[in-house]
Amino acid sequence: MAQTAQTDVILPTEPARELPVVRSIGVADLRDALASGVDDFRAMPTHVLFLSLIYPLIGLGLFAATFGYNFIPLLYPLAAGFALIGPLAAIGLYELSRRRELGLDTSWRHAFDIIHSPSLRSIAALGAILLIIFSVWLAVANAIYAANFSPDEQMGLGEFVRRVLGTPEGQKLIVVGNAVGFLFALLAFALSVISFPLLLDRNVGVAVAIITSIRVILRNPVTMALWGLLVAGALLLGSVPFFIGLAVVMPVLGHSTWHLYRKVVEPDLSPRPEYHPRPRGIRYAADFPVSLFVASSRKDDT
């Protein structure tokens, strides 16, 4: 019997009644997860997908400049703040790693199979939380800059670097900005370190995913702190210059995060429901434009 291209969609297990079991892991597990992530990246060169992430970041900076902000002071907050939304941006990579783990087709289109997941609303809700945190961080970073320098003063990159590194105001900006940024990063990390892989793998809500993510950190504080530093450092390096390196860093970290999730959370061996695509009704020209939104129930009489 012929199968459609959607019949191999992987759905999460049935709704769980208990919290996932969390394991203790060490530095060796981080190395294994990273090595597996690199291996996935070599087997699935999905970096092309993430080239498109560079343009929203540049566009955000141009938007800020258009509305009266100096673009240059936002460069570092943008680069540092990318770690806040990185877990959301990498969600398609988790799906591809899961498919490769099961020996299924890993073409790029399967990165979008999450739209069939019963956890889609939870994924969207958690993503919205991270985007809000990212937006608040940019606003706070701009406020910290305005408190130390004139926000209306335009300056080149060289002059900006000189004043930040060579003046008392600049040194205060560095200390306060990094301290506040660390708190934002810690919050986002605690909420999402393994939340998105868990939501893809199991039919759980946002609360369970966040609680499990926090439990992972509390169970492995040192190991997860090292992972957080590794992720933050890699994203920062990948953002220089002009975020080009993210085309490689993002896929590697995304694939690695899936394998980290596999190491730190006990697998759920419950059966998974089958995906049954909804049959599409016949659409008629007379039904336009309603047919774009509602499937027609009319049937061909021939």
C-alpha atoms as a PDB file:
ATOM      1  CA  MET A   1       0.000   0.000   0.000  1.00  0.00           C
ATOM      2  CA  ALA A   2       1.378   3.374  -0.962  1.00  0.00           C
ATOM      3  CA  GLN A   3       2.160   5.712   1.902  1.00  0.00           C
ATOM      4  CA  THR A   4       1.982   9.481   1.916  1.00  0.00           C
ATOM      5  CA  ALA A   5       4.969  11.614   2.841  1.00  0.00           C
ATOM      6  CA  GLN A   6       3.366  12.402   6.197  1.00  0.00           C
ATOM      7  CA  THR A   7       2.762   8.923   7.571  1.00  0.00           C
ATOM      8  CA  ASP A   8       6.159   8.781   9.263  1.00  0.00           C
ATOM      9  CA  VAL A   9       5.547  11.873  11.397  1.00  0.00           C
ATOM     10  CA  ILE A  10       6.755  11.138  14.933  1.00  0.00           C
ATOM     11  CA  LEU A  11       4.241  12.135  17.566  1.00  0.00           C
ATOM     12  CA  PRO A  12       4.911  12.441  21.303  1.00  0.00           C
ATOM     13  CA  THR A  13       3.800   9.667  23.614  1.00  0.00           C
ATOM     14  CA  GLU A  14       0.352   9.759  25.177  1.00  0.00           C
ATOM     15  CA  PRO A  15      -0.165  12.351  27.965  1.00  0.00           C
ATOM     16  CA  ALA A  16       2.028  11.519  30.932  1.00  0.00           C
ATOM     17  CA  ARG A  17       0.690  11.447  34.479  1.00  0.00           C
ATOM     18  CA  GLU A  18       4.044  11.583  36.249  1.00  0.00           C
ATOM     19  CA  LEU A  19       7.022  13.899  36.005  1.00  0.00           C
ATOM     20  CA  PRO A  20       9.894  12.562  33.894  1.00  0.00           C
ATOM     21  CA  VAL A  21      12.718  10.874  35.779  1.00  0.00           C
ATOM     22  CA  VAL A  22      15.892  12.992  35.839  1.00  0.00           C
ATOM     23  CA  ARG A  23      19.382  11.473  35.816  1.00  0.00           C
ATOM     24  CA  SER A  24      22.724  12.647  37.157  1.00  0.00           C
ATOM     25  CA  ILE A  25      25.304  13.328  34.439  1.00  0.00           C
ATOM     26  CA  GLY A  26      28.933  14.436  34.310  1.00  0.00           C
ATOM     27  CA  VAL A  27      31.381  16.272  32.084  1.00  0.00           C
ATOM     28  CA  ALA A  28      31.927  13.128  30.006  1.00  0.00           C
ATOM     29  CA  ASP A  29      28.240  13.168  29.117  1.00  0.00           C
ATOM     30  CA  LEU A  30      28.563  16.761  27.908  1.00  0.00           C
ATOM     31  CA  ARG A  31      31.444  15.736  25.666  1.00  0.00           C
ATOM     32  CA  ASP A  32      29.432  12.817  24.300  1.00  0.00           C
ATOM     33  CA  ALA A  33      26.411  15.041  23.636  1.00  0.00           C
ATOM     34  CA  LEU A  34      28.555  17.604  21.845  1.00  0.00           C
ATOM     35  CA  ALA A  35      30.304  14.909  19.792  1.00  0.00           C
ATOM     36  CA  SER A  36      26.927  13.469  18.807  1.00  0.00           C
ATOM     37  CA  GLY A  37      25.760  16.950  17.857  1.00  0.00           C
ATOM     38  CA  VAL A  38      28.763  17.439  15.593  1.00  0.00           C
ATOM     39  CA  ASP A  39      28.104  14.041  14.040  1.00  0.00           C
ATOM     40  CA  ASP A  40      24.472  14.985  13.374  1.00  0.00           C
ATOM     41  CA  PHE A  41      25.593  18.247  11.807  1.00  0.00           C
ATOM     42  CA  ARG A  42      27.955  16.439   9.445  1.00  0.00           C
ATOM     43  CA  ALA A  43      25.239  13.979   8.480  1.00  0.00           C
ATOM     44  CA  MET A  44      22.549  16.657   8.161  1.00  0.00           C
ATOM     45  CA  PRO A  45      24.071  19.987   7.031  1.00  0.00           C
ATOM     46  CA  THR A  46      21.058  21.989   8.175  1.00  0.00           C
ATOM     47  CA  HIS A  47      23.073  25.184   8.585  1.00  0.00           C
ATOM     48  CA  VAL A  48      21.456  26.508   5.407  1.00  0.00           C
ATOM     49  CA  LEU A  49      18.171  26.802   7.297  1.00  0.00           C
ATOM     50  CA  PHE A  50      19.770  28.942   9.947  1.00  0.00           C
ATOM     51  CA  LEU A  51      21.329  31.435   7.596  1.00  0.00           C
ATOM     52  CA  SER A  52      17.867  32.989   7.626  1.00  0.00           C
ATOM     53  CA  LEU A  53      18.230  33.673  11.337  1.00  0.00           C
ATOM     54  CA  ILE A  54      20.923  36.236  10.612  1.00  0.00           C
ATOM     55  CA  TYR A  55      18.544  38.495   8.752  1.00  0.00           C
ATOM     56  CA  PRO A  56      15.972  38.937  11.550  1.00  0.00           C
ATOM     57  CA  LEU A  57      18.782  39.924  13.882  1.00  0.00           C
ATOM     58  CA  ILE A  58      20.140  42.483  11.447  1.00  0.00           C
ATOM     59  CA  GLY A  59      16.618  43.661  10.756  1.00  0.00           C
ATOM     60  CA  LEU A  60      16.002  44.109  14.461  1.00  0.00           C
ATOM     61  CA  GLY A  61      19.063  46.296  14.723  1.00  0.00           C
ATOM     62  CA  LEU A  62      18.017  48.343  11.715  1.00  0.00           C
ATOM     63  CA  PHE A  63      14.547  48.695  13.212  1.00  0.00           C
ATOM     64  CA  ALA A  64      16.046  50.047  16.402  1.00  0.00           C
ATOM     65  CA  ALA A  65      18.249  52.457  14.457  1.00  0.00           C
ATOM     66  CA  THR A  66      15.281  53.641  12.406  1.00  0.00           C
ATOM     67  CA  PHE A  67      13.307  54.534  15.511  1.00  0.00           C
ATOM     68  CA  GLY A  68      16.007  56.653  17.043  1.00  0.00           C
ATOM     69  CA  TYR A  69      18.352  54.168  18.681  1.00  0.00           C
ATOM     70  CA  ASN A  70      22.022  53.969  17.947  1.00  0.00           C
ATOM     71  CA  PHE A  71      22.622  50.601  16.286  1.00  0.00           C
ATOM     72  CA  ILE A  72      26.146  50.037  17.590  1.00  0.00           C
ATOM     73  CA  PRO A  73      25.255  49.852  21.331  1.00  0.00           C
ATOM     74  CA  LEU A  74      22.774  47.091  20.503  1.00  0.00           C
ATOM     75  CA  LEU A  75      25.336  44.819  18.870  1.00  0.00           C
ATOM     76  CA  TYR A  76      26.563  43.229  22.081  1.00  0.00           C
ATOM     77  CA  PRO A  77      23.088  42.888  23.671  1.00  0.00           C
ATOM     78  CA  LEU A  78      21.863  41.236  20.460  1.00  0.00           C
ATOM     79  CA  ALA A  79      24.766  38.799  20.399  1.00  0.00           C
ATOM     80  CA  ALA A  80      24.515  38.020  24.097  1.00  0.00           C
ATOM     81  CA  GLY A  81      20.725  37.896  24.030  1.00  0.00           C
ATOM     82  CA  PHE A  82      20.622  35.360  21.218  1.00  0.00           C
ATOM     83  CA  ALA A  83      21.243  32.699  23.849  1.00  0.00           C
ATOM     84  CA  LEU A  84      17.814  33.578  25.276  1.00  0.00           C
ATOM     85  CA  ILE A  85      15.914  32.518  22.144  1.00  0.00           C
ATOM     86  CA  GLY A  86      18.390  29.939  20.849  1.00  0.00           C
ATOM     87  CA  PRO A  87      16.400  26.965  22.233  1.00  0.00           C
ATOM     88  CA  LEU A  88      13.331  28.108  20.305  1.00  0.00           C
ATOM     89  CA  ALA A  89      15.278  28.746  17.094  1.00  0.00           C
ATOM     90  CA  ALA A  90      16.769  25.249  17.256  1.00  0.00           C
ATOM     91  CA  ILE A  91      13.534  23.319  17.706  1.00  0.00           C
ATOM     92  CA  GLY A  92      13.578  21.929  14.175  1.00  0.00           C
ATOM     93  CA  LEU A  93      17.053  20.542  14.811  1.00  0.00           C
ATOM     94  CA  TYR A  94      15.830  18.567  17.810  1.00  0.00           C
ATOM     95  CA  GLU A  95      13.261  16.949  15.546  1.00  0.00           C
ATOM     96  CA  LEU A  96      15.870  16.039  12.942  1.00  0.00           C
ATOM     97  CA  SER A  97      18.167  14.526  15.584  1.00  0.00           C
ATOM     98  CA  ARG A  98      15.270  12.482  16.915  1.00  0.00           C
ATOM     99  CA  ARG A  99      14.482  11.197  13.433  1.00  0.00           C
ATOM    100  CA  ARG A 100      18.094  10.258  12.774  1.00  0.00           C
ATOM    101  CA  GLU A 101      18.195   8.487  16.134  1.00  0.00           C
ATOM    102  CA  LEU A 102      15.271   6.322  14.959  1.00  0.00           C
ATOM    103  CA  GLY A 103      16.746   5.719  11.502  1.00  0.00           C
ATOM    104  CA  LEU A 104      14.073   7.725   9.661  1.00  0.00           C
ATOM    105  CA  ASP A 105      14.297  10.184   6.800  1.00  0.00           C
ATOM    106  CA  THR A 106      16.037  13.401   7.892  1.00  0.00           C
ATOM    107  CA  SER A 107      15.432  15.688   4.937  1.00  0.00           C
ATOM    108  CA  TRP A 108      15.076  19.363   5.880  1.00  0.00           C
ATOM    109  CA  ARG A 109      11.287  19.381   5.495  1.00  0.00           C
ATOM    110  CA  HIS A 110      10.956  17.186   8.575  1.00  0.00           C
ATOM    111  CA  ALA A 111      12.242  20.070  10.686  1.00  0.00           C
ATOM    112  CA  PHE A 112       8.663  21.378  10.392  1.00  0.00           C
ATOM    113  CA  ASP A 113       6.943  18.185  11.568  1.00  0.00           C
ATOM    114  CA  ILE A 114       6.357  19.884  14.919  1.00  0.00           C
ATOM    115  CA  ILE A 115       3.200  21.436  13.452  1.00  0.00           C
ATOM    116  CA  HIS A 116       1.558  17.999  13.819  1.00  0.00           C
ATOM    117  CA  SER A 117       2.528  17.660  17.491  1.00  0.00           C
ATOM    118  CA  PRO A 118      -0.149  17.684  20.207  1.00  0.00           C
ATOM    119  CA  SER A 119       2.384  19.744  22.187  1.00  0.00           C
ATOM    120  CA  LEU A 120       2.401  22.524  19.579  1.00  0.00           C
ATOM    121  CA  ARG A 121       0.501  24.970  21.768  1.00  0.00           C
ATOM    122  CA  SER A 122       2.836  24.331  24.673  1.00  0.00           C
ATOM    123  CA  ILE A 123       5.837  24.810  22.384  1.00  0.00           C
ATOM    124  CA  ALA A 124       4.386  28.082  21.109  1.00  0.00           C
ATOM    125  CA  ALA A 125       3.622  29.280  24.639  1.00  0.00           C
ATOM    126  CA  LEU A 126       7.142  28.567  25.865  1.00  0.00           C
ATOM    127  CA  GLY A 127       8.568  30.212  22.760  1.00  0.00           C
ATOM    128  CA  ALA A 128       6.471  33.308  23.455  1.00  0.00           C
ATOM    129  CA  ILE A 129       7.870  33.442  26.991  1.00  0.00           C
ATOM    130  CA  LEU A 130      11.431  33.380  25.647  1.00  0.00           C
ATOM    131  CA  LEU A 131      10.665  36.083  23.074  1.00  0.00           C
ATOM    132  CA  ILE A 132       9.234  38.284  25.813  1.00  0.00           C
ATOM    133  CA  ILE A 133      12.357  37.764  27.918  1.00  0.00           C
ATOM    134  CA  PHE A 134      14.511  38.628  24.889  1.00  0.00           C
ATOM    135  CA  SER A 135      12.540  41.810  24.188  1.00  0.00           C
ATOM    136  CA  VAL A 136      12.697  42.925  27.819  1.00  0.00           C
ATOM    137  CA  TRP A 137      16.451  42.287  27.837  1.00  0.00           C
ATOM    138  CA  LEU A 138      16.974  44.546  24.817  1.00  0.00           C
ATOM    139  CA  ALA A 139      14.885  47.290  26.422  1.00  0.00           C
ATOM    140  CA  VAL A 140      16.796  46.998  29.705  1.00  0.00           C
ATOM    141  CA  ALA A 141      20.153  46.945  27.896  1.00  0.00           C
ATOM    142  CA  ASN A 142      19.224  50.116  26.038  1.00  0.00           C
ATOM    143  CA  ALA A 143      18.139  51.740  29.319  1.00  0.00           C
ATOM    144  CA  ILE A 144      21.478  50.845  30.932  1.00  0.00           C
ATOM    145  CA  TYR A 145      23.303  52.384  27.991  1.00  0.00           C
ATOM    146  CA  ALA A 146      21.169  55.533  28.141  1.00  0.00           C
ATOM    147  CA  ALA A 147      21.924  55.872  31.860  1.00  0.00           C
ATOM    148  CA  ASN A 148      25.666  56.022  31.160  1.00  0.00           C
ATOM    149  CA  PHE A 149      25.877  57.660  27.733  1.00  0.00           C
ATOM    150  CA  SER A 150      23.704  60.052  25.793  1.00  0.00           C
ATOM    151  CA  PRO A 151      21.303  57.900  23.739  1.00  0.00           C
ATOM    152  CA  ASP A 152      21.085  60.624  21.081  1.00  0.00           C
ATOM    153  CA  GLU A 153      24.824  60.787  20.520  1.00  0.00           C
ATOM    154  CA  GLN A 154      25.894  59.008  17.351  1.00  0.00           C
ATOM    155  CA  MET A 155      29.369  57.479  17.318  1.00  0.00           C
ATOM    156  CA  GLY A 156      31.371  55.065  15.200  1.00  0.00           C
ATOM    157  CA  LEU A 157      32.354  51.576  16.303  1.00  0.00           C
ATOM    158  CA  GLY A 158      35.933  52.604  17.125  1.00  0.00           C
ATOM    159  CA  GLU A 159      34.823  55.548  19.254  1.00  0.00           C
ATOM    160  CA  PHE A 160      32.201  53.429  20.987  1.00  0.00           C
ATOM    161  CA  VAL A 161      34.746  50.739  21.908  1.00  0.00           C
ATOM    162  CA  ARG A 162      37.215  53.386  23.142  1.00  0.00           C
ATOM    163  CA  ARG A 163      34.653  55.025  25.399  1.00  0.00           C
ATOM    164  CA  VAL A 164      33.315  51.751  26.754  1.00  0.00           C
ATOM    165  CA  LEU A 165      36.772  50.412  27.574  1.00  0.00           C
ATOM    166  CA  GLY A 166      38.488  53.651  28.537  1.00  0.00           C
ATOM    167  CA  THR A 167      36.001  55.682  30.570  1.00  0.00           C
ATOM    168  CA  PRO A 168      34.405  55.210  34.031  1.00  0.00           C
ATOM    169  CA  GLU A 169      30.964  55.297  32.405  1.00  0.00           C
ATOM    170  CA  GLY A 170      31.989  52.571  29.998  1.00  0.00           C
ATOM    171  CA  GLN A 171      33.363  50.365  32.757  1.00  0.00           C
ATOM    172  CA  LYS A 172      30.140  50.805  34.706  1.00  0.00           C
ATOM    173  CA  LEU A 173      28.210  49.880  31.591  1.00  0.00           C
ATOM    174  CA  ILE A 174      30.240  46.679  31.250  1.00  0.00           C
ATOM    175  CA  VAL A 175      29.782  45.627  34.880  1.00  0.00           C
ATOM    176  CA  VAL A 176      26.102  46.471  35.212  1.00  0.00           C
ATOM    177  CA  GLY A 177      25.173  45.269  31.722  1.00  0.00           C
ATOM    178  CA  ASN A 178      26.842  41.895  32.107  1.00  0.00           C
ATOM    179  CA  ALA A 179      25.432  41.389  35.609  1.00  0.00           C
ATOM    180  CA  VAL A 180      21.884  42.102  34.453  1.00  0.00           C
ATOM    181  CA  GLY A 181      22.402  40.071  31.279  1.00  0.00           C
ATOM    182  CA  PHE A 182      23.566  37.122  33.374  1.00  0.00           C
ATOM    183  CA  LEU A 183      20.288  37.184  35.310  1.00  0.00           C
ATOM    184  CA  PHE A 184      18.280  37.172  32.091  1.00  0.00           C
ATOM    185  CA  ALA A 185      20.390  34.322  30.712  1.00  0.00           C
ATOM    186  CA  LEU A 186      20.014  32.344  33.939  1.00  0.00           C
ATOM    187  CA  LEU A 187      16.244  32.724  33.826  1.00  0.00           C
ATOM    188  CA  ALA A 188      15.973  31.646  30.186  1.00  0.00           C
ATOM    189  CA  PHE A 189      18.399  28.765  30.735  1.00  0.00           C
ATOM    190  CA  ALA A 190      16.448  27.454  33.729  1.00  0.00           C
ATOM    191  CA  LEU A 191      13.170  27.598  31.811  1.00  0.00           C
ATOM    192  CA  SER A 192      14.316  26.004  28.578  1.00  0.00           C
ATOM    193  CA  VAL A 193      17.533  23.991  28.845  1.00  0.00           C
ATOM    194  CA  ILE A 194      15.726  20.741  27.961  1.00  0.00           C
ATOM    195  CA  SER A 195      12.111  21.942  27.790  1.00  0.00           C
ATOM    196  CA  PHE A 196      11.699  21.992  24.011  1.00  0.00           C
ATOM    197  CA  PRO A 197      13.176  18.508  23.438  1.00  0.00           C
ATOM    198  CA  LEU A 198      10.900  17.215  26.193  1.00  0.00           C
ATOM    199  CA  LEU A 199       7.831  18.824  24.606  1.00  0.00           C
ATOM    200  CA  LEU A 200       8.730  17.265  21.259  1.00  0.00           C
ATOM    201  CA  ASP A 201       9.280  13.855  22.790  1.00  0.00           C
ATOM    202  CA  ARG A 202       6.324  13.740  25.174  1.00  0.00           C
ATOM    203  CA  ASN A 203       2.825  15.109  25.383  1.00  0.00           C
ATOM    204  CA  VAL A 204       3.341  17.290  28.461  1.00  0.00           C
ATOM    205  CA  GLY A 205       2.395  20.871  29.236  1.00  0.00           C
ATOM    206  CA  VAL A 206       4.546  23.951  29.625  1.00  0.00           C
ATOM    207  CA  ALA A 207       4.544  23.685  33.424  1.00  0.00           C
ATOM    208  CA  VAL A 208       5.850  20.109  33.405  1.00  0.00           C
ATOM    209  CA  ALA A 209       8.527  20.979  30.841  1.00  0.00           C
ATOM    210  CA  ILE A 210       9.736  23.974  32.860  1.00  0.00           C
ATOM    211  CA  ILE A 211       9.673  22.068  36.151  1.00  0.00           C
ATOM    212  CA  THR A 212      11.660  19.223  34.595  1.00  0.00           C
ATOM    213  CA  SER A 213      14.187  21.677  33.175  1.00  0.00           C
ATOM    214  CA  ILE A 214      14.690  23.230  36.616  1.00  0.00           C
ATOM    215  CA  ARG A 215      14.971  19.781  38.212  1.00  0.00           C
ATOM    216  CA  VAL A 216      17.710  18.883  35.728  1.00  0.00           C
ATOM    217  CA  ILE A 217      19.696  21.936  36.817  1.00  0.00           C
ATOM    218  CA  LEU A 218      19.151  21.278  40.527  1.00  0.00           C
ATOM    219  CA  ARG A 219      20.188  17.632  40.075  1.00  0.00           C
ATOM    220  CA  ASN A 220      23.310  18.576  38.074  1.00  0.00           C
ATOM    221  CA  PRO A 221      24.265  22.153  39.071  1.00  0.00           C
ATOM    222  CA  VAL A 222      27.948  22.026  38.144  1.00  0.00           C
ATOM    223  CA  THR A 223      27.511  20.054  34.932  1.00  0.00           C
ATOM    224  CA  MET A 224      24.653  22.223  33.707  1.00  0.00           C
ATOM    225  CA  ALA A 225      26.560  25.387  34.623  1.00  0.00           C
ATOM    226  CA  LEU A 226      29.396  24.167  32.396  1.00  0.00           C
ATOM    227  CA  TRP A 227      26.900  23.465  29.621  1.00  0.00           C
ATOM    228  CA  GLY A 228      25.433  26.941  29.972  1.00  0.00           C
ATOM    229  CA  LEU A 229      28.882  28.538  29.743  1.00  0.00           C
ATOM    230  CA  LEU A 230      29.693  26.417  26.694  1.00  0.00           C
ATOM    231  CA  VAL A 231      26.469  27.441  24.941  1.00  0.00           C
ATOM    232  CA  ALA A 232      26.865  31.127  25.802  1.00  0.00           C
ATOM    233  CA  GLY A 233      30.495  31.191  24.683  1.00  0.00           C
ATOM    234  CA  ALA A 234      29.788  29.366  21.428  1.00  0.00           C
ATOM    235  CA  LEU A 235      26.873  31.673  20.560  1.00  0.00           C
ATOM    236  CA  LEU A 236      28.927  34.749  21.338  1.00  0.00           C
ATOM    237  CA  LEU A 237      31.799  33.566  19.137  1.00  0.00           C
ATOM    238  CA  GLY A 238      29.338  32.608  16.412  1.00  0.00           C
ATOM    239  CA  SER A 239      27.921  36.129  16.481  1.00  0.00           C
ATOM    240  CA  VAL A 240      31.268  37.689  15.509  1.00  0.00           C
ATOM    241  CA  PRO A 241      31.432  39.076  12.961  1.00  0.00           C
ATOM    242  CA  PHE A 242      27.866  39.926  11.937  1.00  0.00           C
ATOM    243  CA  PHE A 243      26.368  36.668  13.241  1.00  0.00           C
ATOM    244  CA  ILE A 244      27.809  34.638  10.347  1.00  0.00           C
ATOM    245  CA  GLY A 245      29.211  31.927  12.609  1.00  0.00           C
ATOM    246  CA  LEU A 246      25.728  31.121  13.898  1.00  0.00           C
ATOM    247  CA  ALA A 247      25.146  29.233  10.650  1.00  0.00           C
ATOM    248  CA  VAL A 248      27.407  26.522  12.077  1.00  0.00           C
ATOM    249  CA  VAL A 249      27.175  27.089  15.839  1.00  0.00           C
ATOM    250  CA  MET A 250      23.374  26.954  15.993  1.00  0.00           C
ATOM    251  CA  PRO A 251      22.964  23.551  14.280  1.00  0.00           C
ATOM    252  CA  VAL A 252      25.748  21.950  16.318  1.00  0.00           C
ATOM    253  CA  LEU A 253      24.344  23.231  19.613  1.00  0.00           C
ATOM    254  CA  GLY A 254      20.800  22.338  18.585  1.00  0.00           C
ATOM    255  CA  HIS A 255      21.661  18.742  17.742  1.00  0.00           C
ATOM    256  CA  SER A 256      23.820  18.484  20.876  1.00  0.00           C
ATOM    257  CA  THR A 257      20.974  19.686  23.078  1.00  0.00           C
ATOM    258  CA  TRP A 258      18.796  16.822  21.884  1.00  0.00           C
ATOM    259  CA  HIS A 259      21.477  14.317  22.887  1.00  0.00           C
ATOM    260  CA  LEU A 260      21.934  16.103  26.220  1.00  0.00           C
ATOM    261  CA  TYR A 261      18.214  15.679  26.822  1.00  0.00           C
ATOM    262  CA  ARG A 262      18.513  11.970  26.061  1.00  0.00           C
ATOM    263  CA  LYS A 263      21.284  11.626  28.632  1.00  0.00           C
ATOM    264  CA  VAL A 264      19.680  13.584  31.452  1.00  0.00           C
ATOM    265  CA  VAL A 265      16.037  12.399  31.204  1.00  0.00           C
ATOM    266  CA  GLU A 266      14.968   8.763  31.442  1.00  0.00           C
ATOM    267  CA  PRO A 267      13.341   7.631  28.171  1.00  0.00           C
ATOM    268  CA  ASP A 268       9.603   7.093  28.020  1.00  0.00           C
ATOM    269  CA  LEU A 269       8.872   3.721  26.442  1.00  0.00           C
ATOM    270  CA  SER A 270       5.127   4.288  26.167  1.00  0.00           C
ATOM    271  CA  PRO A 271       3.623   3.648  22.719  1.00  0.00           C
ATOM    272  CA  ARG A 272       3.225   6.632  20.432  1.00  0.00           C
ATOM    273  CA  PRO A 273      -0.013   7.398  18.622  1.00  0.00           C
ATOM    274  CA  GLU A 274      -0.067   7.111  14.857  1.00  0.00           C
ATOM    275  CA  TYR A 275      -0.400  10.220  12.743  1.00  0.00           C
ATOM    276  CA  HIS A 276      -3.507  10.190  10.560  1.00  0.00           C
ATOM    277  CA  PRO A 277      -3.577  13.112   8.124  1.00  0.00           C
ATOM    278  CA  ARG A 278      -6.964  14.774   7.849  1.00  0.00           C
ATOM    279  CA  PRO A 279      -8.414  14.065   4.395  1.00  0.00           C
ATOM    280  CA  ARG A 280      -8.817  17.158   2.297  1.00  0.00           C
ATOM    281  CA  GLY A 281     -12.202  17.849   0.777  1.00  0.00           C
ATOM    282  CA  ILE A 282     -12.614  18.866  -2.845  1.00  0.00           C
ATOM    283  CA  ARG A 283     -12.301  22.612  -3.340  1.00  0.00           C
ATOM    284  CA  TYR A 284     -14.303  24.500  -5.965  1.00  0.00           C
ATOM    285  CA  ALA A 285     -13.625  27.850  -7.545  1.00  0.00           C
ATOM    286  CA  ALA A 286     -17.033  29.061  -6.387  1.00  0.00           C
ATOM    287  CA  ASP A 287     -15.978  28.507  -2.792  1.00  0.00           C
ATOM    288  CA  PHE A 288     -13.045  30.951  -3.044  1.00  0.00           C
ATOM    289  CA  PRO A 289     -11.866  32.569  -0.761  1.00  0.00           C
ATOM    290  CA  VAL A 290     -13.678  30.579   1.946  1.00  0.00           C
ATOM    291  CA  SER A 291     -12.016  27.393   0.704  1.00  0.00           C
ATOM    292  CA  LEU A 292      -8.638  28.771   1.765  1.00  0.00           C
ATOM    293  CA  PHE A 293      -9.646  28.439   5.401  1.00  0.00           C
ATOM    294  CA  VAL A 294     -12.339  25.788   5.588  1.00  0.00           C
ATOM    295  CA  ALA A 295     -12.134  22.415   3.860  1.00  0.00           C
ATOM    296  CA  SER A 296     -15.079  21.871   1.572  1.00  0.00           C
ATOM    297  CA  SER A 297     -17.288  18.931   2.457  1.00  0.00           C
ATOM    298  CA  ARG A 298     -18.771  18.726  -0.988  1.00  0.00           C
ATOM    299  CA  LYS A 299     -17.994  15.605  -2.944  1.00  0.00           C
ATOM    300  CA  ASP A 300     -17.627  15.054  -6.589  1.00  0.00           C
ATOM    301  CA  ASP A 301     -20.725  13.398  -8.039  1.00  0.00           C
ATOM    302  CA  THR A 302     -18.846  11.901 -10.952  1.00  0.00           C
END
